[in-house]
């Protein structure tokens, strides 16, 4: 009986040992599964973190690209505005030059008209002076003839009177 008890004790110890080994195996298996689950979850977390980092980088790249585009648009806008202002200034200068040329042409035209008027007035004055001189010469000629006639008449009368007296 002692033997049976010892055997039973031994069997119990073995069963207990097996049970403990089974628990150890189960604990190792659980630990292994927990480690695998941890690795799997860590990979998932790492993947999520990596995806977030990539999304942040992409967002930063897009933001940088938008800033560069906005700056380029601003530079282009400034350049276009400068070009527009230059075109407006050039156009204004051109228009001012056209006005100056027109004014110069009008002044030249007025000068020519005035010169023509002056020339016509000078010609009229010349003709007037010539006609006046001719009229004066004609009057002087007429007066000379009348005086000559009067003198001749007088001389004839005196001659006739003298002839009568003699």
Protein backbone atom coordinates (compact mmCIF):
# COMPACT_ATOMS: atom_id res chain seq x y z
CA UNK A 1 0.00 0.00 0.00
CA UNK A 2 2.78 2.23 0.64
CA UNK A 3 3.95 1.38 -2.75
CA UNK A 4 0.64 2.13 -4.19
CA UNK A 5 0.61 5.37 -2.36
CA UNK A 6 4.08 6.13 -3.53
CA UNK A 7 3.11 5.10 -7.02
CA UNK A 8 0.03 7.23 -6.80
CA UNK A 9 2.10 10.07 -5.42
CA UNK A 10 4.58 9.53 -8.22
CA UNK A 11 1.77 9.39 -10.73
CA UNK A 12 0.30 12.51 -9.20
CA UNK A 13 3.70 14.19 -9.35
CA UNK A 14 4.13 13.09 -12.96
CA UNK A 15 0.60 14.20 -13.78
CA UNK A 16 1.26 17.40 -11.93
CA UNK A 17 4.60 17.77 -13.77
CA UNK A 18 2.90 17.12 -17.08
CA UNK A 19 0.19 19.52 -16.14
CA UNK A 20 2.81 22.13 -15.18
CA UNK A 21 4.77 21.39 -18.38
CA UNK A 22 1.54 21.65 -20.29
CA UNK A 23 0.87 24.97 -18.55
CA UNK A 24 4.43 26.06 -19.30
CA UNK A 25 3.95 25.00 -22.92
CA UNK A 26 0.62 26.80 -22.97
CA UNK A 27 2.26 29.85 -21.37
CA UNK A 28 5.11 29.67 -23.93
CA UNK A 29 2.56 29.24 -26.69
CA UNK A 30 0.53 32.17 -25.34
CA UNK A 31 3.73 34.19 -24.92
CA UNK A 32 4.75 33.28 -28.52
CA UNK A 33 1.26 34.13 -29.80
CA UNK A 34 1.28 37.35 -27.77
CA UNK A 35 4.74 38.17 -29.21
CA UNK A 36 3.52 37.40 -32.75
CA UNK A 37 0.40 39.48 -32.12
CA UNK A 38 2.63 42.27 -30.74
CA UNK A 39 4.90 42.03 -33.83
CA UNK A 40 1.85 42.04 -36.10
CA UNK A 41 0.32 44.99 -34.28
CA UNK A 42 3.71 46.74 -34.22
CA UNK A 43 3.99 46.25 -38.00
CA UNK A 44 0.48 47.64 -38.39
CA UNK A 45 1.28 50.56 -36.09
CA UNK A 46 4.59 51.13 -37.90
CA UNK A 47 2.73 50.99 -41.21
CA UNK A 48 0.15 53.48 -39.94
CA UNK A 49 2.92 55.73 -38.55
CA UNK A 50 4.86 55.43 -41.82
CA UNK A 51 1.69 56.22 -43.79
CA UNK A 52 1.08 59.25 -41.54
CA UNK A 53 4.70 60.37 -42.03
CA UNK A 54 4.31 59.96 -45.80
CA UNK A 55 0.98 61.80 -45.71
CA UNK A 56 2.63 64.58 -43.67
CA UNK A 57 5.49 64.72 -46.17
CA UNK A 58 3.02 64.74 -49.06
CA UNK A 59 1.00 67.46 -47.34
CA UNK A 60 4.20 69.43 -46.72
CA UNK A 61 5.22 68.90 -50.37
CA UNK A 62 1.78 70.02 -51.58
CA UNK A 63 1.86 73.02 -49.23
CA UNK A 64 5.37 73.90 -50.45
CA UNK A 65 4.25 73.44 -54.04
CA UNK A 66 1.22 75.68 -53.42
CA UNK A 67 3.45 78.31 -51.79
CA UNK A 68 5.88 78.15 -54.71
CA UNK A 69 2.97 78.37 -57.17
CA UNK A 70 1.49 81.30 -55.25
CA UNK A 71 4.90 83.00 -55.24
CA UNK A 72 5.32 82.27 -58.95
CA UNK A 73 1.81 83.60 -59.60
CA UNK A 74 2.61 86.68 -57.55
CA UNK A 75 5.87 87.24 -59.45
CA UNK A 76 4.02 86.67 -62.72
CA UNK A 77 1.30 89.06 -61.61
CA UNK A 78 3.89 91.68 -60.63
CA UNK A 79 5.71 91.18 -63.93
CA UNK A 80 2.43 91.36 -65.85
CA UNK A 81 1.50 94.50 -63.94
CA UNK A 82 4.91 96.02 -64.71
CA UNK A 83 4.51 95.08 -68.36
CA UNK A 84 0.99 96.54 -68.39
CA UNK A 85 2.19 99.73 -66.73
CA UNK A 86 5.07 99.95 -69.24
CA UNK A 87 2.65 99.38 -72.14
CA UNK A 88 0.37 102.09 -70.71
CA UNK A 89 3.32 104.46 -70.27
CA UNK A 90 4.51 103.68 -73.82
CA UNK A 91 1.00 104.22 -75.15
CA UNK A 92 0.67 107.48 -73.24
CA UNK A 93 4.07 108.60 -74.54
CA UNK A 94 3.00 107.62 -78.08
CA UNK A 95 -0.28 109.51 -77.68
CA UNK A 96 1.57 112.56 -76.32
CA UNK A 97 3.97 112.39 -79.27
CA UNK A 98 1.00 112.17 -81.66
CA UNK A 99 -0.56 115.22 -79.94
CA UNK A 100 2.77 117.08 -80.20
CA UNK A 101 3.08 116.15 -83.87
CA UNK A 102 -0.52 117.15 -84.53
CA UNK A 103 0.01 120.45 -82.71
CA UNK A 104 3.23 121.01 -84.69
CA UNK A 105 1.39 120.21 -87.95
CA UNK A 106 -1.43 122.57 -87.01
CA UNK A 107 1.09 125.27 -86.09
CA UNK A 108 2.92 124.69 -89.39
CA UNK A 109 -0.41 124.88 -91.23
CA UNK A 110 -1.29 128.09 -89.40
CA UNK A 111 2.18 129.46 -90.19
CA UNK A 112 1.71 128.57 -93.86
CA UNK A 113 -1.76 130.14 -93.90
CA UNK A 114 -0.37 133.25 -92.18
CA UNK A 115 2.56 133.32 -94.61
CA UNK A 116 0.11 133.03 -97.52
CA UNK A 117 -2.03 135.81 -96.01
CA UNK A 118 1.07 137.93 -95.45
CA UNK A 119 2.23 137.25 -99.01
CA UNK A 120 -1.24 138.09 -100.36
CA UNK A 121 -1.32 141.26 -98.23
CA UNK A 122 2.17 142.18 -99.44
CA UNK A 123 1.10 141.56 -103.06
CA UNK A 124 -2.06 143.62 -102.49
CA UNK A 125 0.01 146.39 -100.92
CA UNK A 126 2.46 146.25 -103.82
CA UNK A 127 -0.38 146.39 -106.34
CA UNK A 128 -2.02 149.21 -104.35
CA UNK A 129 1.24 151.18 -104.24
CA UNK A 130 1.75 150.56 -107.97
CA UNK A 131 -1.83 151.63 -108.76
CA UNK A 132 -1.43 154.61 -106.44
CA UNK A 133 1.83 155.53 -108.13
CA UNK A 134 0.21 155.12 -111.55
CA UNK A 135 -2.78 157.22 -110.42
CA UNK A 136 -0.45 159.88 -109.09
CA UNK A 137 1.54 159.80 -112.33
CA UNK A 138 -1.68 160.03 -114.36
CA UNK A 139 -2.95 162.94 -112.23
CA UNK A 140 0.40 164.66 -112.51
CA UNK A 141 0.32 164.09 -116.27
CA UNK A 142 -3.25 165.40 -116.42
CA UNK A 143 -2.36 168.41 -114.27
CA UNK A 144 0.74 169.01 -116.41
CA UNK A 145 -1.40 168.90 -119.57
CA UNK A 146 -4.03 171.18 -118.09
CA UNK A 147 -1.33 173.58 -116.95
CA UNK A 148 0.30 173.33 -120.35
CA UNK A 149 -3.06 173.97 -122.03
CA UNK A 150 -3.75 176.82 -119.70
CA UNK A 151 -0.29 178.21 -120.34
CA UNK A 152 -0.72 177.75 -124.08
CA UNK A 153 -4.17 179.34 -123.96
CA UNK A 154 -2.75 182.22 -122.01
CA UNK A 155 0.18 182.52 -124.33
CA UNK A 156 -2.18 182.48 -127.33
CA UNK A 157 -4.42 185.10 -125.73
CA UNK A 158 -1.44 187.23 -124.87
CA UNK A 159 -0.18 186.72 -128.37
CA UNK A 160 -3.58 187.58 -129.76
CA UNK A 161 -3.81 190.59 -127.46
CA UNK A 162 -0.40 191.72 -128.55
CA UNK A 163 -1.30 191.16 -132.11
CA UNK A 164 -4.45 193.26 -131.60
CA UNK A 165 -2.55 195.98 -129.92
CA UNK A 166 -0.16 196.17 -132.74
